[in-house]
Amino acid sequence: MNFHYPNGKVYHKTEWKSAKKSPLTFANRGMRFEEAINESNKYYLNKQIAVIHKKPTPIQIVKVDYPKRSAATIKEAYFKEASTTDYNGVYQGYYLDFEAKATQNKTSFPLKNFHSHQIEHMRNCLLQGGICFVLLYFSALKRCFFLDAKTLIEKWDSQEQQRKSITLNEIEAKGIEITMKIAPRIDYLAAVKQFLDNKGEHRNGKSNLDKKGQTPSKKNDE
């Protein structure tokens, strides 16, 4: 079955979050990063901790085959619009919106794994007081990190003048490492809680972005 992007370009699996292609290991069991997050979300829901779901991707079906009267096979479809982030939901009164990415790199996380429309979506969420972040998984190292969207946006905005990736050292310093467990497998809400405890401005529904969704200049920090 062929899928097409909104611009008509044919979708290939190697182009769509290719960093997630290989199976990942959590607690000595093979599991894809996304699947582990989905299982964690089910745990949070069952324990009434949070309500978080993966966003569905709307598609438009253009070709269907009917090999049998009771079985239809989609042969061609288009993504109706560019995706924003992977997940959203509510945790203790906070709106959460986040993206999950994985890489096989050991020393840095490439910014090319993100798209400009995703960054703009994160800006808009922050401007509305939402808690927006990314979960970054280094598959070769079996390490997972929470990184707030403000930090990601700062790196994105400066990539033309600086490097086009975030080093592991920077992620270790500015992010929060998530410990892999049995249940939930990826306890990212523990990192969210730590982030909220450390960043009081988010509890007041404020953001460090200006009205245009840009990061503040260095002069404001001096």
C-alpha atoms as a PDB file:
ATOM      1  CA  MET A   1       0.000   0.000   0.000  1.00  0.00           C
ATOM      2  CA  ASN A   2       1.325   3.422  -0.967  1.00  0.00           C
ATOM      3  CA  PHE A   3       0.989   6.430   1.336  1.00  0.00           C
ATOM      4  CA  HIS A   4       1.608  10.002   0.187  1.00  0.00           C
ATOM      5  CA  TYR A   5       2.503  13.142   2.088  1.00  0.00           C
ATOM      6  CA  PRO A   6       0.257  16.249   1.728  1.00  0.00           C
ATOM      7  CA  ASN A   7       2.670  17.554  -0.944  1.00  0.00           C
ATOM      8  CA  GLY A   8       2.180  14.385  -3.006  1.00  0.00           C
ATOM      9  CA  LYS A   9       5.555  12.830  -2.185  1.00  0.00           C
ATOM     10  CA  VAL A  10       5.465   9.081  -1.725  1.00  0.00           C
ATOM     11  CA  TYR A  11       5.935   7.965   1.872  1.00  0.00           C
ATOM     12  CA  HIS A  12       8.805   5.538   2.545  1.00  0.00           C
ATOM     13  CA  LYS A  13       9.358   3.853   5.891  1.00  0.00           C
ATOM     14  CA  THR A  14      13.001   4.930   5.910  1.00  0.00           C
ATOM     15  CA  GLU A  15      11.846   8.589   5.841  1.00  0.00           C
ATOM     16  CA  TRP A  16       9.281   8.357   8.648  1.00  0.00           C
ATOM     17  CA  LYS A  17      11.069   8.367  11.969  1.00  0.00           C
ATOM     18  CA  SER A  18      13.619   5.902  10.680  1.00  0.00           C
ATOM     19  CA  ALA A  19      15.440   5.997  14.019  1.00  0.00           C
ATOM     20  CA  LYS A  20      12.636   3.832  15.429  1.00  0.00           C
ATOM     21  CA  LYS A  21      13.031   1.095  12.849  1.00  0.00           C
ATOM     22  CA  SER A  22      15.169  -1.298  14.878  1.00  0.00           C
ATOM     23  CA  PRO A  23      13.706  -3.031  17.921  1.00  0.00           C
ATOM     24  CA  LEU A  24      14.846  -1.575  21.234  1.00  0.00           C
ATOM     25  CA  THR A  25      15.536  -3.332  24.493  1.00  0.00           C
ATOM     26  CA  PHE A  26      13.754  -2.487  27.740  1.00  0.00           C
ATOM     27  CA  ALA A  27      14.275  -4.603  30.873  1.00  0.00           C
ATOM     28  CA  ASN A  28      15.907  -7.370  28.805  1.00  0.00           C
ATOM     29  CA  ARG A  29      12.906  -7.624  26.493  1.00  0.00           C
ATOM     30  CA  GLY A  30      12.800  -6.564  22.855  1.00  0.00           C
ATOM     31  CA  MET A  31      10.362  -3.703  22.408  1.00  0.00           C
ATOM     32  CA  ARG A  32      10.092  -0.697  20.186  1.00  0.00           C
ATOM     33  CA  PHE A  33      10.428   2.655  21.897  1.00  0.00           C
ATOM     34  CA  GLU A  34       6.940   3.750  20.897  1.00  0.00           C
ATOM     35  CA  GLU A  35       5.394   0.492  22.062  1.00  0.00           C
ATOM     36  CA  ALA A  36       7.038   0.914  25.451  1.00  0.00           C
ATOM     37  CA  ILE A  37       5.575   4.420  25.757  1.00  0.00           C
ATOM     38  CA  ASN A  38       2.143   3.107  24.788  1.00  0.00           C
ATOM     39  CA  GLU A  39       2.365   0.441  27.489  1.00  0.00           C
ATOM     40  CA  SER A  40       3.403   3.093  30.000  1.00  0.00           C
ATOM     41  CA  ASN A  41       0.393   5.191  29.033  1.00  0.00           C
ATOM     42  CA  LYS A  42      -1.903   2.217  29.638  1.00  0.00           C
ATOM     43  CA  TYR A  43      -0.336   1.814  33.080  1.00  0.00           C
ATOM     44  CA  TYR A  44      -0.912   5.500  33.885  1.00  0.00           C
ATOM     45  CA  LEU A  45      -4.521   5.235  32.727  1.00  0.00           C
ATOM     46  CA  ASN A  46      -5.252   2.043  34.686  1.00  0.00           C
ATOM     47  CA  LYS A  47      -3.766   3.576  37.833  1.00  0.00           C
ATOM     48  CA  GLN A  48      -5.687   6.836  37.229  1.00  0.00           C
ATOM     49  CA  ILE A  49      -2.423   8.772  37.173  1.00  0.00           C
ATOM     50  CA  ALA A  50      -2.887  10.447  33.779  1.00  0.00           C
ATOM     51  CA  VAL A  51      -4.818  10.228  30.531  1.00  0.00           C
ATOM     52  CA  ILE A  52      -2.366  10.311  27.642  1.00  0.00           C
ATOM     53  CA  HIS A  53      -2.846   8.907  24.149  1.00  0.00           C
ATOM     54  CA  LYS A  54      -0.989   8.704  20.893  1.00  0.00           C
ATOM     55  CA  LYS A  55      -2.411  11.091  18.330  1.00  0.00           C
ATOM     56  CA  PRO A  56      -3.971   9.403  15.293  1.00  0.00           C
ATOM     57  CA  THR A  57      -2.616  10.409  11.897  1.00  0.00           C
ATOM     58  CA  PRO A  58      -5.474  11.323   9.528  1.00  0.00           C
ATOM     59  CA  ILE A  59      -5.235   9.710   6.094  1.00  0.00           C
ATOM     60  CA  GLN A  60      -7.261   9.907   2.903  1.00  0.00           C
ATOM     61  CA  ILE A  61      -7.834   6.585   1.164  1.00  0.00           C
ATOM     62  CA  VAL A  62      -7.686   6.792  -2.630  1.00  0.00           C
ATOM     63  CA  LYS A  63      -7.436   3.164  -3.757  1.00  0.00           C
ATOM     64  CA  VAL A  64      -8.959   0.015  -2.281  1.00  0.00           C
ATOM     65  CA  ASP A  65      -8.921  -3.547  -3.594  1.00  0.00           C
ATOM     66  CA  TYR A  66     -11.588  -6.080  -2.714  1.00  0.00           C
ATOM     67  CA  PRO A  67     -10.020  -9.564  -3.111  1.00  0.00           C
ATOM     68  CA  LYS A  68     -12.958 -10.918  -1.151  1.00  0.00           C
ATOM     69  CA  ARG A  69     -16.376  -9.552  -0.348  1.00  0.00           C
ATOM     70  CA  SER A  70     -15.505  -9.619   3.354  1.00  0.00           C
ATOM     71  CA  ALA A  71     -11.930  -8.291   3.060  1.00  0.00           C
ATOM     72  CA  ALA A  72     -10.894  -4.895   1.715  1.00  0.00           C
ATOM     73  CA  THR A  73      -7.222  -3.992   1.173  1.00  0.00           C
ATOM     74  CA  ILE A  74      -6.042  -0.382   1.108  1.00  0.00           C
ATOM     75  CA  LYS A  75      -3.576   0.020  -1.765  1.00  0.00           C
ATOM     76  CA  GLU A  76      -2.952   3.771  -1.755  1.00  0.00           C
ATOM     77  CA  ALA A  77      -3.552   6.584   0.709  1.00  0.00           C
ATOM     78  CA  TYR A  78      -2.361  10.105   1.548  1.00  0.00           C
ATOM     79  CA  PHE A  79      -1.512  11.780   4.822  1.00  0.00           C
ATOM     80  CA  LYS A  80      -4.081  14.600   4.960  1.00  0.00           C
ATOM     81  CA  GLU A  81      -1.799  16.971   6.853  1.00  0.00           C
ATOM     82  CA  ALA A  82       1.636  17.197   8.429  1.00  0.00           C
ATOM     83  CA  SER A  83       1.807  15.605  11.860  1.00  0.00           C
ATOM     84  CA  THR A  84       2.529  17.674  14.960  1.00  0.00           C
ATOM     85  CA  THR A  85       3.726  15.626  17.942  1.00  0.00           C
ATOM     86  CA  ASP A  86       3.186  12.002  18.913  1.00  0.00           C
ATOM     87  CA  TYR A  87       1.294  12.255  22.200  1.00  0.00           C
ATOM     88  CA  ASN A  88      -0.917  14.535  24.260  1.00  0.00           C
ATOM     89  CA  GLY A  89      -3.087  14.312  27.338  1.00  0.00           C
ATOM     90  CA  VAL A  90      -3.722  15.507  30.878  1.00  0.00           C
ATOM     91  CA  TYR A  91      -1.688  14.915  34.035  1.00  0.00           C
ATOM     92  CA  GLN A  92      -2.869  16.381  37.357  1.00  0.00           C
ATOM     93  CA  GLY A  93      -4.483  19.355  35.645  1.00  0.00           C
ATOM     94  CA  TYR A  94      -1.587  19.999  33.255  1.00  0.00           C
ATOM     95  CA  TYR A  95      -1.846  19.670  29.502  1.00  0.00           C
ATOM     96  CA  LEU A  96       1.022  17.515  28.201  1.00  0.00           C
ATOM     97  CA  ASP A  97       2.181  17.431  24.591  1.00  0.00           C
ATOM     98  CA  PHE A  98       5.304  15.579  23.520  1.00  0.00           C
ATOM     99  CA  GLU A  99       7.264  13.870  20.792  1.00  0.00           C
ATOM    100  CA  ALA A 100       9.242  10.621  21.080  1.00  0.00           C
ATOM    101  CA  LYS A 101      12.418  10.130  19.060  1.00  0.00           C
ATOM    102  CA  ALA A 102      15.181   7.534  18.998  1.00  0.00           C
ATOM    103  CA  THR A 103      18.673   7.488  17.541  1.00  0.00           C
ATOM    104  CA  GLN A 104      21.492   4.990  17.145  1.00  0.00           C
ATOM    105  CA  ASN A 105      24.065   7.745  17.717  1.00  0.00           C
ATOM    106  CA  LYS A 106      26.085   7.518  20.909  1.00  0.00           C
ATOM    107  CA  THR A 107      27.326  11.078  21.398  1.00  0.00           C
ATOM    108  CA  SER A 108      24.615  13.397  20.067  1.00  0.00           C
ATOM    109  CA  PHE A 109      21.002  13.654  18.940  1.00  0.00           C
ATOM    110  CA  PRO A 110      20.515  15.036  15.384  1.00  0.00           C
ATOM    111  CA  LEU A 111      18.142  17.980  15.069  1.00  0.00           C
ATOM    112  CA  LYS A 112      17.195  16.735  11.595  1.00  0.00           C
ATOM    113  CA  ASN A 113      15.069  14.117  13.371  1.00  0.00           C
ATOM    114  CA  PHE A 114      12.604  16.942  14.031  1.00  0.00           C
ATOM    115  CA  HIS A 115      10.550  18.944  11.533  1.00  0.00           C
ATOM    116  CA  SER A 116       9.857  22.668  11.468  1.00  0.00           C
ATOM    117  CA  HIS A 117       6.081  22.199  11.833  1.00  0.00           C
ATOM    118  CA  GLN A 118       6.684  20.146  14.984  1.00  0.00           C
ATOM    119  CA  ILE A 119       8.853  22.900  16.457  1.00  0.00           C
ATOM    120  CA  GLU A 120       6.172  25.506  15.661  1.00  0.00           C
ATOM    121  CA  HIS A 121       3.549  23.323  17.309  1.00  0.00           C
ATOM    122  CA  MET A 122       5.692  23.143  20.441  1.00  0.00           C
ATOM    123  CA  ARG A 123       6.092  26.934  20.449  1.00  0.00           C
ATOM    124  CA  ASN A 124       2.331  27.344  20.322  1.00  0.00           C
ATOM    125  CA  CYS A 125       1.793  24.838  23.139  1.00  0.00           C
ATOM    126  CA  LEU A 126       4.271  26.678  25.348  1.00  0.00           C
ATOM    127  CA  LEU A 127       2.599  30.000  24.648  1.00  0.00           C
ATOM    128  CA  GLN A 128      -0.648  28.523  25.976  1.00  0.00           C
ATOM    129  CA  GLY A 129       1.022  27.318  29.166  1.00  0.00           C
ATOM    130  CA  GLY A 130       1.199  23.665  28.162  1.00  0.00           C
ATOM    131  CA  ILE A 131       3.926  21.278  29.304  1.00  0.00           C
ATOM    132  CA  CYS A 132       5.723  20.387  26.106  1.00  0.00           C
ATOM    133  CA  PHE A 133       8.779  18.139  25.813  1.00  0.00           C
ATOM    134  CA  VAL A 134      10.535  15.363  23.914  1.00  0.00           C
ATOM    135  CA  LEU A 135      11.578  11.885  24.970  1.00  0.00           C
ATOM    136  CA  LEU A 136      14.964  11.025  23.477  1.00  0.00           C
ATOM    137  CA  TYR A 137      16.169   7.441  23.363  1.00  0.00           C
ATOM    138  CA  PHE A 138      19.781   6.464  22.626  1.00  0.00           C
ATOM    139  CA  SER A 139      19.268   2.865  21.497  1.00  0.00           C
ATOM    140  CA  ALA A 140      22.965   1.941  21.442  1.00  0.00           C
ATOM    141  CA  LEU A 141      23.362   3.187  25.013  1.00  0.00           C
ATOM    142  CA  LYS A 142      19.913   2.078  26.208  1.00  0.00           C
ATOM    143  CA  ARG A 143      19.412   5.496  27.819  1.00  0.00           C
ATOM    144  CA  CYS A 144      16.273   7.625  27.721  1.00  0.00           C
ATOM    145  CA  PHE A 145      15.956  11.339  28.517  1.00  0.00           C
ATOM    146  CA  PHE A 146      13.247  13.935  29.074  1.00  0.00           C
ATOM    147  CA  LEU A 147      14.140  17.255  27.430  1.00  0.00           C
ATOM    148  CA  ASP A 148      11.835  20.254  27.747  1.00  0.00           C
ATOM    149  CA  ALA A 149      10.666  21.936  24.544  1.00  0.00           C
ATOM    150  CA  LYS A 150      12.165  25.302  25.477  1.00  0.00           C
ATOM    151  CA  THR A 151      15.659  23.808  25.430  1.00  0.00           C
ATOM    152  CA  LEU A 152      14.964  22.003  22.157  1.00  0.00           C
ATOM    153  CA  ILE A 153      13.640  25.187  20.534  1.00  0.00           C
ATOM    154  CA  GLU A 154      16.722  27.130  21.647  1.00  0.00           C
ATOM    155  CA  LYS A 155      18.955  24.536  19.974  1.00  0.00           C
ATOM    156  CA  TRP A 156      16.771  24.492  16.867  1.00  0.00           C
ATOM    157  CA  ASP A 157      16.861  28.284  16.528  1.00  0.00           C
ATOM    158  CA  SER A 158      20.656  28.398  16.849  1.00  0.00           C
ATOM    159  CA  GLN A 159      21.551  25.470  14.585  1.00  0.00           C
ATOM    160  CA  GLU A 160      22.518  27.722  11.659  1.00  0.00           C
ATOM    161  CA  GLN A 161      25.183  29.387  13.819  1.00  0.00           C
ATOM    162  CA  GLN A 162      26.065  26.343  15.918  1.00  0.00           C
ATOM    163  CA  ARG A 163      25.993  22.581  15.483  1.00  0.00           C
ATOM    164  CA  LYS A 164      22.966  20.781  14.060  1.00  0.00           C
ATOM    165  CA  SER A 165      22.687  18.354  16.928  1.00  0.00           C
ATOM    166  CA  ILE A 166      22.409  18.272  20.699  1.00  0.00           C
ATOM    167  CA  THR A 167      25.350  16.600  22.359  1.00  0.00           C
ATOM    168  CA  LEU A 168      24.801  13.850  24.888  1.00  0.00           C
ATOM    169  CA  ASN A 169      26.658  15.975  27.432  1.00  0.00           C
ATOM    170  CA  GLU A 170      24.155  18.812  26.912  1.00  0.00           C
ATOM    171  CA  ILE A 171      21.223  16.431  27.221  1.00  0.00           C
ATOM    172  CA  GLU A 172      22.678  14.999  30.433  1.00  0.00           C
ATOM    173  CA  ALA A 173      23.106  18.517  31.826  1.00  0.00           C
ATOM    174  CA  LYS A 174      19.782  20.038  30.736  1.00  0.00           C
ATOM    175  CA  GLY A 175      17.535  16.989  30.534  1.00  0.00           C
ATOM    176  CA  ILE A 176      16.297  14.402  33.014  1.00  0.00           C
ATOM    177  CA  GLU A 177      17.307  10.776  32.582  1.00  0.00           C
ATOM    178  CA  ILE A 178      14.449   8.290  32.815  1.00  0.00           C
ATOM    179  CA  THR A 179      15.018   4.962  34.517  1.00  0.00           C
ATOM    180  CA  MET A 180      13.666   1.909  32.688  1.00  0.00           C
ATOM    181  CA  LYS A 181      11.380  -0.214  34.843  1.00  0.00           C
ATOM    182  CA  ILE A 182       8.940  -3.098  34.617  1.00  0.00           C
ATOM    183  CA  ALA A 183       5.810  -1.011  35.207  1.00  0.00           C
ATOM    184  CA  PRO A 184       5.629   1.529  33.810  1.00  0.00           C
ATOM    185  CA  ARG A 185       8.388   0.654  31.365  1.00  0.00           C
ATOM    186  CA  ILE A 186       9.240   4.290  30.699  1.00  0.00           C
ATOM    187  CA  ASP A 187       8.206   6.330  33.732  1.00  0.00           C
ATOM    188  CA  TYR A 188       8.415   9.677  31.990  1.00  0.00           C
ATOM    189  CA  LEU A 189       5.845  11.227  34.327  1.00  0.00           C
ATOM    190  CA  ALA A 190       8.432  11.017  37.102  1.00  0.00           C
ATOM    191  CA  ALA A 191      10.577  13.295  34.938  1.00  0.00           C
ATOM    192  CA  VAL A 192       7.599  15.571  34.266  1.00  0.00           C
ATOM    193  CA  LYS A 193       7.012  15.885  38.015  1.00  0.00           C
ATOM    194  CA  GLN A 194      10.679  16.703  38.593  1.00  0.00           C
ATOM    195  CA  PHE A 195      10.549  19.266  35.798  1.00  0.00           C
ATOM    196  CA  LEU A 196       7.477  20.915  37.320  1.00  0.00           C
ATOM    197  CA  ASP A 197       9.107  20.984  40.751  1.00  0.00           C
ATOM    198  CA  ASN A 198      12.212  22.642  39.287  1.00  0.00           C
ATOM    199  CA  LYS A 199      10.432  25.073  36.951  1.00  0.00           C
ATOM    200  CA  GLY A 200       7.910  27.043  38.949  1.00  0.00           C
ATOM    201  CA  GLU A 201       7.028  29.305  36.017  1.00  0.00           C
ATOM    202  CA  HIS A 202       5.164  26.441  34.377  1.00  0.00           C
ATOM    203  CA  ARG A 203       2.956  25.976  37.417  1.00  0.00           C
ATOM    204  CA  ASN A 204       1.761  29.541  36.852  1.00  0.00           C
ATOM    205  CA  GLY A 205       0.908  28.760  33.248  1.00  0.00           C
ATOM    206  CA  LYS A 206       3.706  30.981  31.915  1.00  0.00           C
ATOM    207  CA  SER A 207       6.345  30.341  29.316  1.00  0.00           C
ATOM    208  CA  ASN A 208       9.846  31.638  28.717  1.00  0.00           C
ATOM    209  CA  LEU A 209       8.982  32.294  25.070  1.00  0.00           C
ATOM    210  CA  ASP A 210       7.942  35.750  23.949  1.00  0.00           C
ATOM    211  CA  LYS A 211       4.641  36.555  22.242  1.00  0.00           C
ATOM    212  CA  LYS A 212       6.002  35.446  18.858  1.00  0.00           C
ATOM    213  CA  GLY A 213       7.075  32.090  20.228  1.00  0.00           C
ATOM    214  CA  GLN A 214      10.769  32.977  20.058  1.00  0.00           C
ATOM    215  CA  THR A 215      13.362  32.306  22.701  1.00  0.00           C
ATOM    216  CA  PRO A 216      14.466  35.403  24.670  1.00  0.00           C
ATOM    217  CA  SER A 217      17.711  37.104  23.678  1.00  0.00           C
ATOM    218  CA  LYS A 218      20.849  36.584  25.679  1.00  0.00           C
ATOM    219  CA  LYS A 219      20.728  40.240  26.704  1.00  0.00           C
ATOM    220  CA  ASN A 220      17.718  39.485  28.867  1.00  0.00           C
ATOM    221  CA  ASP A 221      19.743  36.895  30.736  1.00  0.00           C
ATOM    222  CA  GLU A 222      22.693  39.140  31.442  1.00  0.00           C
END
